[in-house]
C-alpha atoms as a PDB file:
ATOM      1  CA  UNK A   1      12.386   8.627   7.589  1.00  0.00           C
ATOM      2  CA  UNK A   2      10.544   6.037   9.654  1.00  0.00           C
ATOM      3  CA  UNK A   3      10.936   2.360   8.781  1.00  0.00           C
ATOM      4  CA  UNK A   4       8.132  -0.105   8.084  1.00  0.00           C
ATOM      5  CA  UNK A   5       7.412  -0.839  11.755  1.00  0.00           C
ATOM      6  CA  UNK A   6       7.180   2.823  12.712  1.00  0.00           C
ATOM      7  CA  UNK A   7       5.042   3.622   9.675  1.00  0.00           C
ATOM      8  CA  UNK A   8       2.726   0.687  10.420  1.00  0.00           C
ATOM      9  CA  UNK A   9       2.355   1.930  13.994  1.00  0.00           C
ATOM     10  CA  UNK A  10       1.452   5.419  12.774  1.00  0.00           C
ATOM     11  CA  UNK A  11      -1.148   4.006  10.386  1.00  0.00           C
ATOM     12  CA  UNK A  12      -2.654   1.820  13.131  1.00  0.00           C
ATOM     13  CA  UNK A  13      -3.089   4.941  15.306  1.00  0.00           C
ATOM     14  CA  UNK A  14      -5.340   6.393  12.606  1.00  0.00           C
ATOM     15  CA  UNK A  15      -8.948   5.299  13.088  1.00  0.00           C
ATOM     16  CA  UNK A  16      -9.737   4.397   9.504  1.00  0.00           C
ATOM     17  CA  UNK A  17     -12.850   2.298  10.126  1.00  0.00           C
ATOM     18  CA  UNK A  18     -14.759   1.810   6.862  1.00  0.00           C
ATOM     19  CA  UNK A  19     -15.721   4.155   5.220  1.00  0.00           C
ATOM     20  CA  UNK A  20     -13.468   6.642   7.068  1.00  0.00           C
ATOM     21  CA  UNK A  21      -9.820   7.059   6.083  1.00  0.00           C
ATOM     22  CA  UNK A  22      -8.543   8.630   9.306  1.00  0.00           C
ATOM     23  CA  UNK A  23      -5.984  10.614   7.325  1.00  0.00           C
ATOM     24  CA  UNK A  24      -4.064   7.497   6.239  1.00  0.00           C
ATOM     25  CA  UNK A  25      -3.996   8.356   2.555  1.00  0.00           C
ATOM     26  CA  UNK A  26      -2.910  11.977   3.098  1.00  0.00           C
ATOM     27  CA  UNK A  27      -0.134  10.744   5.383  1.00  0.00           C
ATOM     28  CA  UNK A  28       1.025   8.188   2.791  1.00  0.00           C
ATOM     29  CA  UNK A  29       0.747  10.771  -0.005  1.00  0.00           C
ATOM     30  CA  UNK A  30       3.024  13.178   1.884  1.00  0.00           C
ATOM     31  CA  UNK A  31       5.681  10.465   2.274  1.00  0.00           C
ATOM     32  CA  UNK A  32       5.474   9.392  -1.349  1.00  0.00           C
ATOM     33  CA  UNK A  33       5.456  12.993  -2.643  1.00  0.00           C
ATOM     34  CA  UNK A  34       8.727  13.553  -0.755  1.00  0.00           C
ATOM     35  CA  UNK A  35      10.146  10.609  -2.732  1.00  0.00           C
ATOM     36  CA  UNK A  36       9.120  12.154  -6.056  1.00  0.00           C
ATOM     37  CA  UNK A  37       5.716  10.547  -6.567  1.00  0.00           C
ATOM     38  CA  UNK A  38       2.902  12.513  -8.197  1.00  0.00           C
ATOM     39  CA  UNK A  39      -0.063  11.922  -5.894  1.00  0.00           C
ATOM     40  CA  UNK A  40      -3.649  12.108  -7.067  1.00  0.00           C
ATOM     41  CA  UNK A  41      -6.562  11.681  -4.659  1.00  0.00           C
ATOM     42  CA  UNK A  42      -9.571  10.046  -6.302  1.00  0.00           C
ATOM     43  CA  UNK A  43     -13.052  10.144  -4.838  1.00  0.00           C
ATOM     44  CA  UNK A  44     -15.875   7.755  -5.708  1.00  0.00           C
ATOM     45  CA  UNK A  45     -18.958   8.828  -3.743  1.00  0.00           C
ATOM     46  CA  UNK A  46     -18.005   8.619  -0.076  1.00  0.00           C
ATOM     47  CA  UNK A  47     -14.960   6.485  -0.866  1.00  0.00           C
ATOM     48  CA  UNK A  48     -11.501   8.058  -1.063  1.00  0.00           C
ATOM     49  CA  UNK A  49      -8.611   6.475  -2.948  1.00  0.00           C
ATOM     50  CA  UNK A  50      -5.034   7.471  -3.675  1.00  0.00           C
ATOM     51  CA  UNK A  51      -3.087   7.023  -6.900  1.00  0.00           C
ATOM     52  CA  UNK A  52       0.603   7.875  -6.582  1.00  0.00           C
ATOM     53  CA  UNK A  53       3.049   7.367  -9.428  1.00  0.00           C
ATOM     54  CA  UNK A  54       6.752   8.068  -9.930  1.00  0.00           C
ATOM     55  CA  UNK A  55       7.791   8.104 -13.563  1.00  0.00           C
ATOM     56  CA  UNK A  56       5.859   7.897 -16.810  1.00  0.00           C
ATOM     57  CA  UNK A  57       7.720   5.141 -18.639  1.00  0.00           C
ATOM     58  CA  UNK A  58       6.787   1.504 -19.023  1.00  0.00           C
ATOM     59  CA  UNK A  59       7.022  -0.911 -17.229  1.00  0.00           C
ATOM     60  CA  UNK A  60       4.932   0.005 -14.196  1.00  0.00           C
ATOM     61  CA  UNK A  61       5.078  -1.841 -10.882  1.00  0.00           C
ATOM     62  CA  UNK A  62       2.052  -0.953  -8.763  1.00  0.00           C
ATOM     63  CA  UNK A  63       1.679  -1.707  -5.055  1.00  0.00           C
ATOM     64  CA  UNK A  64      -2.027  -1.832  -4.196  1.00  0.00           C
ATOM     65  CA  UNK A  65      -3.871  -2.208  -0.944  1.00  0.00           C
ATOM     66  CA  UNK A  66      -6.594  -0.863   1.303  1.00  0.00           C
ATOM     67  CA  UNK A  67      -6.144   1.610   4.141  1.00  0.00           C
ATOM     68  CA  UNK A  68      -9.437   0.980   5.922  1.00  0.00           C
ATOM     69  CA  UNK A  69     -10.127  -1.510   8.697  1.00  0.00           C
ATOM     70  CA  UNK A  70     -13.237  -3.314   9.885  1.00  0.00           C
ATOM     71  CA  UNK A  71     -14.851  -2.309  13.198  1.00  0.00           C
ATOM     72  CA  UNK A  72     -13.063  -3.506  16.325  1.00  0.00           C
ATOM     73  CA  UNK A  73     -15.862  -5.586  17.776  1.00  0.00           C
ATOM     74  CA  UNK A  74     -16.161  -5.728  21.571  1.00  0.00           C
ATOM     75  CA  UNK A  75     -13.282  -3.766  23.125  1.00  0.00           C
ATOM     76  CA  UNK A  76     -13.353  -6.090  26.142  1.00  0.00           C
ATOM     77  CA  UNK A  77     -12.009  -8.850  23.876  1.00  0.00           C
ATOM     78  CA  UNK A  78      -8.857  -6.866  23.077  1.00  0.00           C
ATOM     79  CA  UNK A  79      -5.759  -7.115  25.294  1.00  0.00           C
ATOM     80  CA  UNK A  80      -4.889  -3.514  24.390  1.00  0.00           C
ATOM     81  CA  UNK A  81      -6.558  -0.548  22.704  1.00  0.00           C
ATOM     82  CA  UNK A  82      -6.991  -1.538  19.021  1.00  0.00           C
ATOM     83  CA  UNK A  83      -5.820   1.913  17.881  1.00  0.00           C
ATOM     84  CA  UNK A  84      -2.762   1.977  20.125  1.00  0.00           C
ATOM     85  CA  UNK A  85      -0.091  -0.080  18.349  1.00  0.00           C
ATOM     86  CA  UNK A  86       1.413  -2.495  20.849  1.00  0.00           C
ATOM     87  CA  UNK A  87       4.497  -4.693  20.572  1.00  0.00           C
ATOM     88  CA  UNK A  88       4.070  -7.872  22.586  1.00  0.00           C
ATOM     89  CA  UNK A  89       6.144 -11.050  22.329  1.00  0.00           C
ATOM     90  CA  UNK A  90       7.809  -9.775  19.173  1.00  0.00           C
ATOM     91  CA  UNK A  91       4.506  -9.133  17.395  1.00  0.00           C
ATOM     92  CA  UNK A  92       2.662  -5.954  16.484  1.00  0.00           C
ATOM     93  CA  UNK A  93      -0.924  -5.751  17.706  1.00  0.00           C
ATOM     94  CA  UNK A  94      -3.571  -3.221  16.692  1.00  0.00           C
ATOM     95  CA  UNK A  95      -6.466  -2.882  14.267  1.00  0.00           C
ATOM     96  CA  UNK A  96      -5.021  -3.292  10.789  1.00  0.00           C
ATOM     97  CA  UNK A  97      -1.673  -4.763  11.884  1.00  0.00           C
ATOM     98  CA  UNK A  98      -2.313  -7.950   9.892  1.00  0.00           C
ATOM     99  CA  UNK A  99      -4.720  -6.614   7.261  1.00  0.00           C
ATOM    100  CA  UNK A 100      -3.238  -4.517   5.933  1.00  0.00           C
ATOM    101  CA  UNK A 101      -1.512  -1.508   7.406  1.00  0.00           C
ATOM    102  CA  UNK A 102       1.768  -3.397   7.908  1.00  0.00           C
ATOM    103  CA  UNK A 103       1.754  -4.331   4.227  1.00  0.00           C
ATOM    104  CA  UNK A 104       1.016  -0.738   3.204  1.00  0.00           C
ATOM    105  CA  UNK A 105       3.943   0.407   5.371  1.00  0.00           C
ATOM    106  CA  UNK A 106       6.211  -2.190   3.743  1.00  0.00           C
ATOM    107  CA  UNK A 107       5.109  -1.025   0.273  1.00  0.00           C
ATOM    108  CA  UNK A 108       5.889   2.613   1.065  1.00  0.00           C
ATOM    109  CA  UNK A 109       9.251   1.922   2.705  1.00  0.00           C
ATOM    110  CA  UNK A 110      10.288  -0.414  -0.140  1.00  0.00           C
ATOM    111  CA  UNK A 111       9.386   2.247  -2.723  1.00  0.00           C
ATOM    112  CA  UNK A 112      11.299   4.919  -0.778  1.00  0.00           C
ATOM    113  CA  UNK A 113      14.389   2.692  -0.496  1.00  0.00           C
ATOM    114  CA  UNK A 114      14.250   1.791  -4.167  1.00  0.00           C
ATOM    115  CA  UNK A 115      14.031   5.433  -5.218  1.00  0.00           C
ATOM    116  CA  UNK A 116      16.876   6.428  -2.877  1.00  0.00           C
ATOM    117  CA  UNK A 117      19.184   3.821  -4.365  1.00  0.00           C
ATOM    118  CA  UNK A 118      18.026   4.116  -7.975  1.00  0.00           C
ATOM    119  CA  UNK A 119      16.840   7.670  -8.493  1.00  0.00           C
ATOM    120  CA  UNK A 120      17.276   7.332 -12.264  1.00  0.00           C
ATOM    121  CA  UNK A 121      15.445   3.995 -12.472  1.00  0.00           C
ATOM    122  CA  UNK A 122      13.745   2.850 -15.638  1.00  0.00           C
ATOM    123  CA  UNK A 123      10.020   2.251 -15.751  1.00  0.00           C
ATOM    124  CA  UNK A 124       7.608   3.585 -13.165  1.00  0.00           C
ATOM    125  CA  UNK A 125       6.481   2.746  -9.651  1.00  0.00           C
ATOM    126  CA  UNK A 126       2.965   3.370  -8.376  1.00  0.00           C
ATOM    127  CA  UNK A 127       0.924   3.011  -5.210  1.00  0.00           C
ATOM    128  CA  UNK A 128      -2.829   2.503  -5.220  1.00  0.00           C
ATOM    129  CA  UNK A 129      -4.485   3.062  -1.854  1.00  0.00           C
ATOM    130  CA  UNK A 130      -8.052   1.834  -1.951  1.00  0.00           C
ATOM    131  CA  UNK A 131     -10.734   2.615   0.608  1.00  0.00           C
ATOM    132  CA  UNK A 132     -12.573   0.429   1.194  1.00  0.00           C
ATOM    133  CA  UNK A 133     -11.519  -2.563  -0.875  1.00  0.00           C
ATOM    134  CA  UNK A 134     -14.318  -4.828   0.321  1.00  0.00           C
ATOM    135  CA  UNK A 135     -17.082  -2.306  -0.265  1.00  0.00           C
ATOM    136  CA  UNK A 136     -16.119  -0.968  -3.683  1.00  0.00           C
ATOM    137  CA  UNK A 137     -16.155  -4.373  -5.366  1.00  0.00           C
ATOM    138  CA  UNK A 138     -13.522  -3.179  -7.807  1.00  0.00           C
ATOM    139  CA  UNK A 139      -9.818  -3.852  -8.031  1.00  0.00           C
ATOM    140  CA  UNK A 140      -8.076  -2.017 -10.838  1.00  0.00           C
ATOM    141  CA  UNK A 141     -10.787  -1.049 -13.319  1.00  0.00           C
ATOM    142  CA  UNK A 142     -12.037   2.401 -12.426  1.00  0.00           C
ATOM    143  CA  UNK A 143      -9.298   3.079  -9.875  1.00  0.00           C
ATOM    144  CA  UNK A 144      -6.097   3.254 -11.880  1.00  0.00           C
ATOM    145  CA  UNK A 145      -6.280   6.389 -14.047  1.00  0.00           C
ATOM    146  CA  UNK A 146      -7.610   5.417 -17.448  1.00  0.00           C
ATOM    147  CA  UNK A 147      -4.581   6.688 -19.368  1.00  0.00           C
ATOM    148  CA  UNK A 148      -2.364   4.267 -17.441  1.00  0.00           C
ATOM    149  CA  UNK A 149      -4.722   1.319 -17.923  1.00  0.00           C
ATOM    150  CA  UNK A 150      -5.749   1.934 -21.527  1.00  0.00           C
ATOM    151  CA  UNK A 151      -2.207   2.560 -22.710  1.00  0.00           C
ATOM    152  CA  UNK A 152      -1.163  -0.816 -21.363  1.00  0.00           C
ATOM    153  CA  UNK A 153       1.431   0.703 -19.063  1.00  0.00           C
ATOM    154  CA  UNK A 154       0.314  -1.250 -16.000  1.00  0.00           C
ATOM    155  CA  UNK A 155       2.528  -4.300 -16.264  1.00  0.00           C
ATOM    156  CA  UNK A 156       2.480  -5.716 -12.746  1.00  0.00           C
ATOM    157  CA  UNK A 157       0.374  -5.158  -9.674  1.00  0.00           C
ATOM    158  CA  UNK A 158       1.568  -6.441  -6.319  1.00  0.00           C
ATOM    159  CA  UNK A 159      -1.172  -6.698  -3.725  1.00  0.00           C
ATOM    160  CA  UNK A 160      -1.530  -8.191  -0.297  1.00  0.00           C
ATOM    161  CA  UNK A 161      -4.990  -8.340   1.175  1.00  0.00           C
ATOM    162  CA  UNK A 162      -3.975 -10.514   4.061  1.00  0.00           C
ATOM    163  CA  UNK A 163      -3.613 -13.616   1.919  1.00  0.00           C
ATOM    164  CA  UNK A 164      -0.431 -12.623   0.069  1.00  0.00           C
ATOM    165  CA  UNK A 165      -2.162 -12.792  -3.298  1.00  0.00           C
ATOM    166  CA  UNK A 166      -0.391 -11.414  -6.326  1.00  0.00           C
ATOM    167  CA  UNK A 167      -2.275 -10.208  -9.359  1.00  0.00           C
ATOM    168  CA  UNK A 168      -0.339  -9.535 -12.497  1.00  0.00           C
ATOM    169  CA  UNK A 169      -0.945  -7.899 -15.796  1.00  0.00           C
ATOM    170  CA  UNK A 170       1.285  -8.626 -18.747  1.00  0.00           C
ATOM    171  CA  UNK A 171       2.211 -12.037 -17.349  1.00  0.00           C
ATOM    172  CA  UNK A 172       4.891 -10.754 -14.977  1.00  0.00           C
ATOM    173  CA  UNK A 173       4.905 -11.761 -11.323  1.00  0.00           C
ATOM    174  CA  UNK A 174       7.215  -9.557  -9.301  1.00  0.00           C
ATOM    175  CA  UNK A 175       6.447 -10.113  -5.635  1.00  0.00           C
ATOM    176  CA  UNK A 176       4.896 -12.718  -3.408  1.00  0.00           C
ATOM    177  CA  UNK A 177       5.680 -13.451   0.219  1.00  0.00           C
ATOM    178  CA  UNK A 178       3.767 -14.345   3.387  1.00  0.00           C
ATOM    179  CA  UNK A 179       4.739 -11.380   5.563  1.00  0.00           C
ATOM    180  CA  UNK A 180       5.235  -7.604   5.161  1.00  0.00           C
ATOM    181  CA  UNK A 181       9.012  -7.623   5.691  1.00  0.00           C
ATOM    182  CA  UNK A 182       9.454 -10.302   3.038  1.00  0.00           C
ATOM    183  CA  UNK A 183       7.058  -8.436   0.744  1.00  0.00           C
ATOM    184  CA  UNK A 184       9.144  -5.288   0.976  1.00  0.00           C
ATOM    185  CA  UNK A 185      12.418  -7.097   0.425  1.00  0.00           C
ATOM    186  CA  UNK A 186      11.130  -9.339  -2.373  1.00  0.00           C
ATOM    187  CA  UNK A 187       9.480  -6.475  -4.244  1.00  0.00           C
ATOM    188  CA  UNK A 188      12.485  -4.205  -3.798  1.00  0.00           C
ATOM    189  CA  UNK A 189      15.059  -6.784  -4.870  1.00  0.00           C
ATOM    190  CA  UNK A 190      13.093  -8.031  -7.875  1.00  0.00           C
ATOM    191  CA  UNK A 191      12.214  -4.524  -9.022  1.00  0.00           C
ATOM    192  CA  UNK A 192      15.846  -3.452  -8.601  1.00  0.00           C
ATOM    193  CA  UNK A 193      16.948  -6.410 -10.723  1.00  0.00           C
ATOM    194  CA  UNK A 194      14.484  -5.443 -13.445  1.00  0.00           C
ATOM    195  CA  UNK A 195      14.896  -1.672 -13.425  1.00  0.00           C
END
């Protein structure tokens, strides 16, 4: 299974310019399904979203983020093709590398690692892939299946929209860090301690 860097590179290759998904959510769903997640595509008009959940018990830790990117702007201003992931000076370049395909990759790899090491974990883990986050104007309401929201099973939502913001429900903060690698490690370690 590819690590976070390789997964981020694969996602960057996918031209998911709003409102297109470029196959990102299907690709993520296949990885998460292999780790035991039940994946449910959700469509709102022309907008596709992905809800993936492993387990049915409380508490629920949900990683949420968007898989779309904004247009590239003038290609002449890029040092490399924006949809060809490029490593240069120890940094990953490409459309979505910073916001937020690297974070999505870290979420997926952290969830896979957690499940591998704790296959009989308590609680549940979920992934919410939103497309496009800036155009829908919604965060959780209307995107998380109503039975999960109304039953109060969503306890914590870890999101990174480029600013490392964390939104919580139930007063529990589980993950916050300034970069994708730290996000994955922090979320994994704190979830492992809880579950």
